[in-house]
N, C-alpha and C. Protein backbone atom coordinates (compact mmCIF):
# COMPACT_ATOMS: atom_id res chain seq x y z
N MET A 1 58.54 34.16 4.31
CA MET A 1 59.17 33.72 4.68
C MET A 1 58.43 32.93 6.14
N TYR A 2 57.69 31.74 5.76
CA TYR A 2 56.74 30.86 6.48
C TYR A 2 57.69 29.90 7.79
N CYS A 3 56.98 30.22 9.13
CA CYS A 3 57.49 29.90 10.10
C CYS A 3 56.81 28.23 10.45
N MET A 4 57.42 27.69 11.36
CA MET A 4 56.64 26.21 11.54
C MET A 4 57.36 25.62 12.70
N ASN A 5 56.24 25.57 13.90
CA ASN A 5 56.77 24.85 14.94
C ASN A 5 57.02 22.86 14.79
N LEU A 6 57.55 22.21 15.63
CA LEU A 6 57.64 20.94 15.71
C LEU A 6 56.07 20.29 15.85
N SER A 7 55.06 20.99 16.29
CA SER A 7 54.25 20.14 16.11
C SER A 7 53.38 20.28 14.97
N GLU A 8 53.53 21.44 14.01
CA GLU A 8 53.40 21.88 12.84
C GLU A 8 53.67 21.09 11.93
N LEU A 9 54.76 20.73 12.16
CA LEU A 9 55.63 19.83 11.20
C LEU A 9 55.19 18.31 11.27
N LYS A 10 55.13 17.95 12.40
CA LYS A 10 54.37 16.80 12.68
C LYS A 10 53.07 16.48 11.96
N LEU A 11 52.37 17.55 12.25
CA LEU A 11 50.78 17.64 11.44
C LEU A 11 50.97 17.68 10.00
N ASN A 12 52.08 18.41 9.00
CA ASN A 12 51.84 18.42 8.18
C ASN A 12 52.16 17.42 7.30
N TYR A 13 53.36 16.31 7.94
CA TYR A 13 54.20 15.49 7.44
C TYR A 13 52.94 14.63 7.20
N SER A 14 52.41 14.16 8.49
CA SER A 14 51.59 13.28 8.46
C SER A 14 50.55 13.22 7.51
N LEU A 15 50.24 14.69 7.33
CA LEU A 15 48.82 14.37 6.18
C LEU A 15 49.12 14.50 5.03
N GLY A 16 50.37 14.36 4.74
CA GLY A 16 50.78 14.16 3.19
C GLY A 16 51.37 15.76 2.76
N ASP A 17 51.10 16.55 3.62
CA ASP A 17 51.37 17.82 2.80
C ASP A 17 52.90 18.36 3.19
N ASN A 18 53.68 18.60 2.41
CA ASN A 18 55.27 18.68 2.45
C ASN A 18 55.39 20.66 1.81
N SER A 19 54.01 21.01 1.30
CA SER A 19 54.47 22.23 0.29
C SER A 19 55.08 23.24 1.09
N LYS A 20 54.24 23.68 2.63
CA LYS A 20 54.81 24.03 3.65
C LYS A 20 56.15 23.94 4.20
N ILE A 21 56.58 22.86 4.19
CA ILE A 21 57.74 22.16 5.16
C ILE A 21 58.79 22.67 3.88
N LEU A 22 59.14 22.50 2.55
CA LEU A 22 59.34 23.34 1.30
C LEU A 22 60.24 24.41 1.71
N GLU A 23 59.08 25.27 1.94
CA GLU A 23 59.07 26.78 1.91
C GLU A 23 60.16 27.04 2.86
N LEU A 24 60.36 26.10 4.27
CA LEU A 24 60.92 26.78 5.15
C LEU A 24 62.48 26.97 4.88
N ASP A 25 63.26 27.95 5.31
CA ASP A 25 64.22 28.79 5.20
C ASP A 25 65.14 27.58 5.97
N ASP A 26 66.53 27.70 5.26
CA ASP A 26 67.83 26.57 6.26
C ASP A 26 67.51 26.50 7.45
N LYS A 27 67.60 28.08 8.45
CA LYS A 27 67.71 27.69 9.46
C LYS A 27 66.48 27.57 10.65
N THR A 28 65.14 27.29 10.25
CA THR A 28 64.33 27.26 10.40
C THR A 28 64.19 25.43 10.32
N LYS A 29 64.63 24.97 9.13
CA LYS A 29 64.61 23.49 8.90
C LYS A 29 65.69 22.91 9.67
N GLU A 30 66.97 23.71 10.39
CA GLU A 30 67.84 23.21 10.93
C GLU A 30 67.09 23.15 12.67
N THR A 31 66.97 24.00 13.16
CA THR A 31 65.67 24.37 13.82
C THR A 31 64.64 22.74 14.40
N LEU A 32 64.16 22.76 13.41
CA LEU A 32 62.97 21.67 13.43
C LEU A 32 63.70 20.49 13.88
N LEU A 33 64.83 20.35 12.84
CA LEU A 33 65.72 19.10 12.99
C LEU A 33 66.20 18.64 13.98
N LEU A 34 67.11 19.15 14.49
CA LEU A 34 67.31 19.54 15.95
C LEU A 34 66.40 19.12 17.16
N GLY A 35 65.10 19.66 16.99
CA GLY A 35 64.35 19.59 18.05
C GLY A 35 64.13 18.18 18.08
N LEU A 36 63.18 17.72 16.62
CA LEU A 36 62.97 16.30 16.49
C LEU A 36 63.88 15.37 17.08
N LEU A 37 65.42 15.60 16.29
CA LEU A 37 66.33 14.33 17.18
C LEU A 37 65.81 14.48 18.65
N ASN A 38 66.42 15.64 19.42
CA ASN A 38 66.40 15.88 20.73
C ASN A 38 65.20 15.00 21.26
N GLU A 39 63.95 15.11 20.87
CA GLU A 39 62.55 14.41 21.39
C GLU A 39 62.79 13.27 21.31
N MET A 40 63.33 12.96 19.79
CA MET A 40 63.69 11.31 19.48
C MET A 40 64.62 10.41 20.59
N SER A 41 65.27 10.95 21.07
CA SER A 41 66.27 10.55 21.75
C SER A 41 65.96 10.94 23.06
N ASN A 42 65.50 11.51 23.86
CA ASN A 42 64.79 11.75 25.32
C ASN A 42 63.38 11.33 25.35
N ASP A 43 62.75 10.60 24.41
CA ASP A 43 61.88 9.75 24.47
C ASP A 43 61.24 8.90 25.53
N LYS A 44 60.77 9.05 26.46
CA LYS A 44 60.70 8.04 27.81
C LYS A 44 59.48 6.75 27.14
N ASN A 45 59.31 6.99 26.62
CA ASN A 45 58.02 5.93 26.10
C ASN A 45 58.95 4.71 25.23
N SER A 46 59.63 5.13 24.43
CA SER A 46 60.67 4.40 23.88
C SER A 46 61.57 4.31 23.34
N SER A 47 62.63 3.29 23.91
CA SER A 47 64.42 3.68 23.13
C SER A 47 64.69 3.27 21.96
N LEU A 48 63.66 2.69 20.76
CA LEU A 48 64.46 2.98 19.72
C LEU A 48 65.31 3.65 19.17
N PHE A 49 65.09 4.73 19.41
CA PHE A 49 66.50 5.67 18.42
C PHE A 49 67.52 5.34 19.55
N ARG A 50 67.76 5.52 20.59
CA ARG A 50 69.20 4.77 21.42
C ARG A 50 69.23 3.53 20.99
N GLU A 51 68.85 2.53 21.33
CA GLU A 51 68.52 1.22 20.56
C GLU A 51 69.65 1.12 19.35
N GLY A 52 69.03 2.04 18.18
CA GLY A 52 69.95 2.33 16.92
C GLY A 52 71.02 3.35 17.14
N VAL A 53 71.31 4.06 18.05
CA VAL A 53 72.98 4.72 17.94
C VAL A 53 73.48 3.67 18.77
N THR A 54 73.49 2.99 19.44
CA THR A 54 73.86 2.02 19.93
C THR A 54 74.70 0.81 19.12
N LEU A 55 73.70 0.24 18.06
CA LEU A 55 74.16 -0.96 17.50
C LEU A 55 74.43 -0.29 15.99
N GLY A 56 74.44 1.33 16.16
CA GLY A 56 75.17 2.25 14.99
C GLY A 56 76.71 2.00 15.48
N ILE A 57 77.15 2.16 16.36
CA ILE A 57 78.18 1.82 17.02
C ILE A 57 79.21 1.29 16.64
N LEU A 58 78.03 0.05 16.82
CA LEU A 58 78.74 -1.40 16.65
C LEU A 58 78.95 -1.76 15.23
N GLY A 59 78.42 -1.43 14.58
CA GLY A 59 78.16 -1.16 12.76
C GLY A 59 77.35 -2.29 12.49
N VAL A 60 76.52 -2.57 13.22
CA VAL A 60 75.10 -3.96 13.62
C VAL A 60 73.45 -3.38 12.90
N LYS A 61 72.87 -3.61 12.22
CA LYS A 61 72.06 -3.32 11.05
C LYS A 61 71.40 -3.20 12.27
N GLN A 62 70.05 -2.70 13.05
CA GLN A 62 68.77 -2.38 13.65
C GLN A 62 67.56 -3.63 12.69
N SER A 63 67.07 -4.23 13.90
CA SER A 63 65.98 -5.11 13.64
C SER A 63 64.71 -4.54 13.18
N VAL A 64 64.09 -4.56 12.60
CA VAL A 64 62.84 -4.10 11.81
C VAL A 64 61.61 -4.61 12.49
N HIS A 65 62.13 -5.98 13.30
CA HIS A 65 60.51 -6.59 13.89
C HIS A 65 60.96 -6.24 15.43
N LYS A 66 59.09 -5.71 15.85
CA LYS A 66 58.66 -5.54 17.04
C LYS A 66 59.15 -6.65 18.09
N LEU A 67 59.28 -8.21 18.12
CA LEU A 67 59.70 -8.82 19.09
C LEU A 67 60.87 -9.57 18.84
N GLY A 68 61.67 -10.39 19.32
CA GLY A 68 63.00 -10.96 19.05
C GLY A 68 64.06 -10.29 19.51
N TYR A 69 65.11 -10.62 18.62
CA TYR A 69 66.63 -9.63 19.17
C TYR A 69 66.74 -8.18 18.54
N ASP A 70 67.13 -7.62 19.14
CA ASP A 70 67.17 -6.31 18.56
C ASP A 70 67.99 -5.70 17.37
N SER A 71 68.58 -7.54 16.67
CA SER A 71 69.06 -7.09 15.37
C SER A 71 68.77 -8.73 14.40
N ASP A 72 68.91 -8.61 13.24
CA ASP A 72 68.30 -9.70 12.44
C ASP A 72 69.69 -10.93 12.54
N GLU A 73 70.95 -9.81 12.05
CA GLU A 73 71.99 -10.16 11.50
C GLU A 73 72.49 -11.70 12.82
N TYR A 74 72.40 -11.22 13.79
CA TYR A 74 72.46 -12.16 15.09
C TYR A 74 72.28 -11.82 16.35
N PRO A 75 71.59 -12.90 17.11
CA PRO A 75 71.54 -12.39 18.60
C PRO A 75 72.37 -11.68 19.58
N ILE A 76 71.37 -10.02 19.52
CA ILE A 76 71.92 -8.97 20.46
C ILE A 76 70.73 -8.28 20.85
N GLU A 77 71.11 -8.69 22.55
CA GLU A 77 69.82 -7.49 23.20
C GLU A 77 70.67 -5.89 23.35
N VAL A 78 69.85 -5.05 23.33
CA VAL A 78 70.99 -3.74 23.65
C VAL A 78 69.58 -3.16 24.77
N LYS A 79 70.20 -2.85 26.26
CA LYS A 79 70.06 -2.11 27.23
C LYS A 79 70.24 -0.94 27.64
N PRO A 80 69.52 0.46 26.19
CA PRO A 80 70.31 1.33 26.80
C PRO A 80 69.76 2.74 27.77
N LYS A 81 70.25 3.00 28.57
CA LYS A 81 69.42 3.91 29.21
C LYS A 81 69.57 5.55 29.22
N ASN A 82 68.69 6.23 29.19
CA ASN A 82 68.87 7.46 29.34
C ASN A 82 68.82 8.38 30.91
N LEU A 83 69.60 9.20 30.80
CA LEU A 83 69.23 10.14 32.60
C LEU A 83 68.83 11.22 32.05
N SER A 84 68.33 11.92 32.89
CA SER A 84 68.54 13.64 32.81
C SER A 84 69.60 13.88 33.63
N SER A 85 69.94 14.93 32.89
CA SER A 85 70.72 15.98 33.44
C SER A 85 70.34 16.27 35.33
N ASP A 86 69.72 17.28 35.28
CA ASP A 86 68.51 17.28 36.48
C ASP A 86 68.18 15.71 37.29
N SER A 87 68.38 14.77 37.13
CA SER A 87 68.10 13.09 37.63
C SER A 87 69.05 13.17 38.98
N THR A 88 68.93 12.60 40.10
CA THR A 88 69.59 12.41 40.89
C THR A 88 70.12 10.87 40.51
N LYS A 89 69.74 9.93 39.92
CA LYS A 89 70.06 8.60 39.04
C LYS A 89 71.39 8.59 38.50
N LYS A 90 72.05 7.39 38.25
CA LYS A 90 73.37 7.48 38.51
C LYS A 90 73.47 6.46 37.47
N PHE A 91 74.26 6.17 36.86
CA PHE A 91 75.26 5.28 35.65
C PHE A 91 75.39 4.25 36.53
N ASP A 92 74.87 2.73 35.99
CA ASP A 92 75.75 2.48 37.28
C ASP A 92 76.06 0.49 36.67
N GLY A 93 75.91 0.59 35.07
CA GLY A 93 76.03 -0.43 34.34
C GLY A 93 74.15 -1.23 33.92
N SER A 94 73.26 -1.00 34.40
CA SER A 94 72.45 -1.60 35.09
C SER A 94 71.51 -2.04 33.87
N GLY A 95 70.70 -2.41 33.65
CA GLY A 95 69.72 -3.38 33.05
C GLY A 95 68.87 -4.13 33.73
N ASN A 96 67.65 -4.61 32.74
CA ASN A 96 66.41 -5.22 33.08
C ASN A 96 65.74 -6.19 32.41
N PHE A 97 65.18 -7.73 32.33
CA PHE A 97 64.35 -7.97 31.28
C PHE A 97 63.24 -8.18 31.73
N SER A 98 61.71 -7.79 30.92
CA SER A 98 60.74 -7.62 31.45
C SER A 98 59.80 -8.92 30.96
N ASP A 99 59.10 -9.43 31.74
CA ASP A 99 58.33 -10.62 31.57
C ASP A 99 59.45 -11.74 31.43
N PHE A 100 60.48 -11.90 31.89
CA PHE A 100 61.33 -13.10 31.94
C PHE A 100 60.55 -14.57 32.26
N THR A 101 61.11 -15.57 31.70
CA THR A 101 60.82 -16.94 31.95
C THR A 101 62.08 -17.95 31.86
N TRP A 102 62.01 -18.63 32.79
CA TRP A 102 63.20 -19.93 32.08
C TRP A 102 63.14 -20.63 30.95
N LYS A 103 62.61 -20.22 29.89
CA LYS A 103 62.19 -20.39 29.01
C LYS A 103 62.86 -19.81 28.47
N ARG A 104 62.91 -18.49 28.21
CA ARG A 104 63.70 -17.28 27.41
C ARG A 104 64.75 -17.15 27.66
N HIS A 105 65.30 -17.91 29.48
CA HIS A 105 66.45 -18.03 29.77
C HIS A 105 67.42 -18.70 29.21
N LYS A 106 66.65 -20.22 28.81
CA LYS A 106 67.79 -20.97 28.16
C LYS A 106 67.56 -20.73 26.75
N LYS A 107 66.84 -19.92 26.22
CA LYS A 107 67.18 -19.38 24.50
C LYS A 107 67.91 -18.67 24.57
N TYR A 108 68.71 -17.61 25.77
CA TYR A 108 69.66 -16.96 25.47
C TYR A 108 70.89 -17.30 25.69
N LYS A 109 70.55 -18.59 26.35
CA LYS A 109 72.05 -18.96 26.80
C LYS A 109 72.50 -20.14 25.42
N ASP A 110 71.70 -20.69 24.93
CA ASP A 110 71.31 -21.55 23.63
C ASP A 110 72.11 -20.68 22.59
N ASP A 111 71.46 -19.34 22.29
CA ASP A 111 71.87 -18.61 21.29
C ASP A 111 72.88 -18.02 21.67
N LYS A 112 73.68 -17.80 22.55
CA LYS A 112 74.67 -17.39 23.00
C LYS A 112 74.72 -15.47 22.73
N VAL A 113 73.82 -14.94 23.17
CA VAL A 113 73.12 -13.59 23.23
C VAL A 113 74.34 -12.91 23.26
N LYS A 114 74.74 -11.94 22.69
CA LYS A 114 75.82 -11.03 22.92
C LYS A 114 74.95 -9.94 24.26
N MET A 115 75.59 -8.95 24.68
CA MET A 115 74.41 -8.27 25.89
C MET A 115 75.23 -6.92 25.44
N VAL A 116 74.47 -5.84 25.38
CA VAL A 116 75.14 -4.20 25.12
C VAL A 116 74.48 -3.63 25.74
N VAL A 117 75.14 -2.69 26.50
CA VAL A 117 74.77 -1.82 27.57
C VAL A 117 75.27 0.20 27.67
N SER A 118 73.84 0.76 27.02
CA SER A 118 74.76 1.56 26.88
C SER A 118 74.14 2.57 27.66
N GLY A 119 74.61 3.76 27.96
CA GLY A 119 74.21 5.06 28.77
C GLY A 119 74.36 6.47 28.01
N PHE A 120 73.03 7.16 27.87
CA PHE A 120 73.16 8.25 27.73
C PHE A 120 72.59 9.22 28.71
N LEU A 121 73.24 10.65 28.17
CA LEU A 121 72.23 12.20 28.88
C LEU A 121 72.00 12.66 28.41
N ASP A 122 70.69 13.43 28.80
CA ASP A 122 70.24 14.20 28.00
C ASP A 122 69.93 13.71 26.11
N GLY A 123 70.06 12.12 25.78
CA GLY A 123 70.06 11.82 24.31
C GLY A 123 71.01 11.45 24.25
N LYS A 124 72.24 12.08 24.79
CA LYS A 124 73.63 12.35 24.20
C LYS A 124 74.53 10.75 24.53
N LEU A 125 75.11 10.28 23.74
CA LEU A 125 75.67 8.76 24.36
C LEU A 125 76.71 8.92 25.20
N LEU A 126 77.07 8.63 25.87
CA LEU A 126 78.00 8.70 27.25
C LEU A 126 79.24 7.66 26.80
N PHE A 127 78.56 6.20 27.21
CA PHE A 127 79.38 5.14 26.79
C PHE A 127 78.59 3.53 26.38
N LEU A 128 79.50 2.92 25.80
CA LEU A 128 78.74 1.49 25.68
C LEU A 128 79.70 0.41 26.09
N VAL A 129 79.27 -0.47 26.28
CA VAL A 129 80.02 -1.47 27.18
C VAL A 129 79.07 -2.55 26.34
N SER A 130 79.35 -4.13 26.01
CA SER A 130 79.59 -5.37 25.73
C SER A 130 79.65 -6.54 26.70
N PHE A 131 79.19 -7.21 26.58
CA PHE A 131 79.51 -9.07 27.36
C PHE A 131 78.93 -10.21 26.74
N GLN A 132 79.34 -11.61 27.24
CA GLN A 132 78.02 -12.37 26.43
C GLN A 132 77.31 -12.83 27.53
N TYR A 133 75.88 -12.69 27.00
CA TYR A 133 74.79 -13.51 28.28
C TYR A 133 75.51 -14.21 28.99
N ASN A 134 76.05 -15.39 28.26
CA ASN A 134 76.66 -16.68 29.00
C ASN A 134 77.54 -16.38 30.61
N SER A 135 78.25 -15.45 30.52
CA SER A 135 78.99 -15.14 31.42
C SER A 135 78.60 -15.49 32.71
N VAL A 136 79.76 -16.17 33.29
CA VAL A 136 79.35 -17.01 34.69
C VAL A 136 78.44 -16.15 35.90
N ASP A 137 78.80 -14.79 36.28
CA ASP A 137 78.49 -14.35 37.58
C ASP A 137 76.84 -13.76 37.10
N PHE A 138 77.00 -13.59 35.39
CA PHE A 138 75.64 -13.01 35.02
C PHE A 138 74.45 -13.76 35.28
N VAL A 139 74.66 -14.89 34.33
CA VAL A 139 74.16 -15.90 34.31
C VAL A 139 73.26 -16.38 35.97
N ASN A 140 74.12 -16.75 36.59
CA ASN A 140 74.04 -16.86 38.39
C ASN A 140 72.93 -15.97 38.61
N GLU A 141 73.40 -14.63 38.13
CA GLU A 141 72.30 -13.48 39.01
C GLU A 141 70.94 -13.72 38.31
N ILE A 142 70.68 -14.18 37.00
CA ILE A 142 69.20 -14.43 36.30
C ILE A 142 69.01 -15.57 37.16
N GLU A 143 69.66 -16.17 37.31
CA GLU A 143 69.09 -17.69 37.82
C GLU A 143 68.56 -17.49 39.60
N ARG A 144 69.12 -16.80 39.98
CA ARG A 144 69.20 -16.52 41.21
C ARG A 144 67.49 -15.86 41.22
N GLN A 145 67.21 -15.10 40.56
CA GLN A 145 66.00 -13.94 40.87
C GLN A 145 64.62 -14.97 39.97
N LEU A 146 65.13 -15.89 38.91
CA LEU A 146 64.21 -16.77 38.45
C LEU A 146 63.59 -17.61 39.07
N THR A 147 64.54 -18.01 40.36
CA THR A 147 64.86 -19.22 40.87
C THR A 147 63.60 -18.36 42.17
N LYS A 148 64.15 -17.31 42.88
CA LYS A 148 63.17 -16.93 43.71
C LYS A 148 61.68 -16.87 43.42
N HIS A 149 61.29 -16.34 42.45
CA HIS A 149 60.36 -15.96 41.78
C HIS A 149 59.31 -17.28 41.16
N LEU A 150 60.30 -18.37 40.25
CA LEU A 150 59.63 -19.60 39.77
C LEU A 150 60.30 -20.67 40.08
N PRO A 151 60.27 -20.97 41.66
CA PRO A 151 60.75 -22.06 41.57
C PRO A 151 60.71 -23.05 41.42
N ASN A 152 59.74 -23.58 40.65
CA ASN A 152 59.32 -25.05 40.24
C ASN A 152 59.16 -24.82 38.89
N GLY A 153 60.21 -23.61 38.22
CA GLY A 153 59.81 -23.80 36.80
C GLY A 153 58.82 -22.58 36.63
N ASP A 154 58.70 -22.96 34.71
CA ASP A 154 57.62 -21.93 34.31
C ASP A 154 56.33 -22.57 34.63
N GLU A 155 55.61 -21.58 35.34
CA GLU A 155 54.04 -21.68 35.00
C GLU A 155 53.47 -20.91 34.10
N LEU A 156 51.70 -21.52 33.96
CA LEU A 156 51.22 -21.04 32.71
C LEU A 156 50.81 -19.40 33.60
N ASN A 157 51.04 -18.79 32.45
CA ASN A 157 50.66 -17.19 32.60
C ASN A 157 51.23 -16.10 34.03
N ARG A 158 52.74 -16.76 34.01
CA ARG A 158 52.87 -16.48 35.22
C ARG A 158 54.34 -15.87 34.89
N TYR A 159 54.86 -14.96 35.15
CA TYR A 159 56.30 -14.35 34.32
C TYR A 159 56.96 -13.45 35.80
N VAL A 160 58.34 -13.48 35.80
CA VAL A 160 59.52 -12.58 36.41
C VAL A 160 59.29 -11.00 35.79
N ARG A 161 57.99 -10.42 36.20
CA ARG A 161 58.08 -9.29 35.55
C ARG A 161 59.61 -8.28 35.46
N SER A 162 60.49 -8.07 36.43
CA SER A 162 61.60 -7.44 35.72
C SER A 162 62.97 -7.95 36.48
N VAL A 163 63.79 -8.64 35.80
CA VAL A 163 64.96 -9.40 36.15
C VAL A 163 66.09 -8.30 35.87
N LYS A 164 66.41 -7.78 37.35
CA LYS A 164 67.41 -6.79 37.09
C LYS A 164 69.01 -7.26 37.03
N PHE A 165 70.02 -6.40 36.34
CA PHE A 165 71.48 -6.49 36.48
C PHE A 165 72.06 -5.70 36.41
N SER A 166 73.44 -5.27 36.92
CA SER A 166 74.22 -4.02 37.34
C SER A 166 75.40 -4.48 36.61
N TYR A 167 76.32 -4.13 36.95
CA TYR A 167 77.72 -4.12 36.42
C TYR A 167 78.49 -4.64 36.83
N LEU A 168 78.14 -5.35 38.14
CA LEU A 168 78.81 -5.98 39.34
C LEU A 168 78.49 -7.37 38.92
N HIS A 169 77.25 -7.39 38.08
CA HIS A 169 76.95 -9.28 37.58
C HIS A 169 78.02 -9.63 36.25
N PHE A 170 78.56 -8.63 35.56
CA PHE A 170 79.75 -8.83 34.24
C PHE A 170 80.48 -8.08 34.36
N LYS A 171 81.19 -7.67 35.61
CA LYS A 171 82.42 -6.80 35.57
C LYS A 171 84.11 -7.91 35.26
N ASN A 172 83.42 -9.09 35.86
CA ASN A 172 84.78 -9.77 35.67
C ASN A 172 84.90 -11.10 34.91
N SER A 173 83.99 -10.74 33.80
CA SER A 173 83.84 -11.37 32.45
C SER A 173 85.11 -11.41 31.65
N ASP A 174 85.22 -12.32 30.97
CA ASP A 174 86.10 -12.35 30.11
C ASP A 174 86.00 -11.25 28.72
N SER A 175 84.78 -11.86 28.37
CA SER A 175 83.80 -11.34 27.38
C SER A 175 83.66 -9.50 27.66
N PHE A 176 83.59 -8.80 29.05
CA PHE A 176 83.77 -7.91 28.92
C PHE A 176 84.68 -6.33 27.87
N ARG A 177 84.06 -6.07 27.34
CA ARG A 177 84.23 -4.86 26.26
C ARG A 177 83.84 -3.67 26.79
N LEU A 178 84.54 -2.58 26.73
CA LEU A 178 84.03 -1.39 26.17
C LEU A 178 84.31 -0.83 24.51
N GLU A 179 83.12 -0.42 24.57
CA GLU A 179 82.90 -0.44 23.12
C GLU A 179 82.95 0.93 22.28
N TYR A 180 82.83 1.72 23.22
CA TYR A 180 82.63 3.53 22.96
C TYR A 180 82.77 4.25 24.33
N ILE A 181 83.53 4.86 24.48
CA ILE A 181 83.30 5.87 25.47
C ILE A 181 83.82 7.27 25.00
N SER A 182 82.62 8.42 25.35
CA SER A 182 82.58 9.62 24.94
C SER A 182 84.08 10.30 25.09
N PRO A 183 84.61 11.16 24.35
CA PRO A 183 85.65 12.23 24.80
C PRO A 183 85.46 13.11 26.01
N MET A 184 84.24 13.40 26.19
CA MET A 184 84.12 14.31 27.68
C MET A 184 83.56 13.73 28.43
N ILE A 185 83.41 12.52 28.93
CA ILE A 185 83.40 12.03 29.50
C ILE A 185 83.50 11.93 31.20
N SER A 186 84.89 12.58 31.19
CA SER A 186 85.26 13.14 33.11
C SER A 186 84.69 14.19 33.00
N GLU A 187 84.07 14.92 32.26
CA GLU A 187 82.90 16.27 32.72
C GLU A 187 81.40 15.65 33.29
N TYR A 188 81.29 14.41 32.97
CA TYR A 188 80.06 13.68 33.89
C TYR A 188 80.30 12.92 34.78
N GLU A 189 81.34 12.58 35.27
CA GLU A 189 81.87 11.65 36.38
C GLU A 189 80.97 11.66 37.32
N HIS A 190 80.21 12.81 37.95
CA HIS A 190 79.68 13.25 39.38
C HIS A 190 77.89 12.17 38.80
N LYS A 191 77.84 11.62 37.68
CA LYS A 191 76.40 10.62 36.74
C LYS A 191 76.90 9.48 37.07
N PHE A 192 77.78 8.63 37.37
CA PHE A 192 78.19 7.18 37.34
C PHE A 192 78.54 7.49 39.06
N THR A 193 78.34 5.67 39.65
CA THR A 193 79.00 5.10 40.29
C THR A 193 79.92 5.10 40.52
N LYS A 194 80.67 5.38 41.69
CA LYS A 194 82.54 5.25 41.14
C LYS A 194 82.87 3.96 40.94
N PRO A 195 82.51 2.58 41.17
CA PRO A 195 83.52 1.70 40.57
C PRO A 195 83.03 1.77 39.14
N PHE A 196 82.03 2.11 38.65
CA PHE A 196 81.59 1.99 37.53
C PHE A 196 82.11 2.79 36.54
N PHE A 197 82.21 3.93 37.01
CA PHE A 197 83.18 5.52 36.28
C PHE A 197 84.61 4.85 36.40
N LYS A 198 84.94 4.28 37.67
CA LYS A 198 86.55 3.89 37.27
C LYS A 198 87.02 2.48 36.05
N SER A 199 85.89 1.80 36.17
CA SER A 199 86.16 0.75 35.33
C SER A 199 86.24 0.98 34.00
N LEU A 200 85.56 2.26 33.56
CA LEU A 200 85.32 2.56 31.86
C LEU A 200 86.76 3.22 31.81
N ILE A 201 86.85 4.32 32.79
CA ILE A 201 88.24 5.25 32.67
C ILE A 201 89.79 3.92 32.47
N GLU A 202 89.87 3.31 33.53
CA GLU A 202 90.87 2.11 33.40
C GLU A 202 90.78 1.27 31.73
N TYR A 203 89.54 0.64 31.48
CA TYR A 203 89.55 0.22 30.78
C TYR A 203 89.74 1.29 29.35
N GLY A 204 89.49 2.45 29.25
CA GLY A 204 89.36 3.26 28.33
C GLY A 204 90.91 3.22 27.95
N ASN A 205 91.68 3.63 28.90
CA ASN A 205 93.25 4.04 28.94
C ASN A 205 93.98 2.05 28.93
């Protein structure tokens, strides 16, 4: 019986040598597969896996392009957050846009972008909510931050490095929807801010 760890699996696959992989017993294959999925779902350098899971719940195909919206089917922006069990951080429905400008903000409004915020704990999906980018409180918060950092409009080579938002900025939106909630959600109440958790539970009921 041939044994292999995750690093060896990646190396053999990348070198085009699948012969040793095919020799593995089912238990080893299962262990390697679960290890690979765990690594991908908790990757701190890329949210691609979590974006794919989020879009899959919505029945939307993920975009194959690096730039642009997260799906080629219609304008949608996915903001997945992954927390670890030992982290003191809590889910509050927050997200952010990097290197933002007034021009990009106008495009999002004109395109009527759908916003999706999802939460993962150790790579496992706990919740998924959606709302329209054009929600009044949300737009007001985005424009407040743009005005603060770009008061005279867009300037060459200047961006707002991080425009942040939270549940507070879309909770009153008529378009706010709970798309998914884990059946085990009550076990992780301590990982949520009280207002956000209460809202998810009330909406779920």
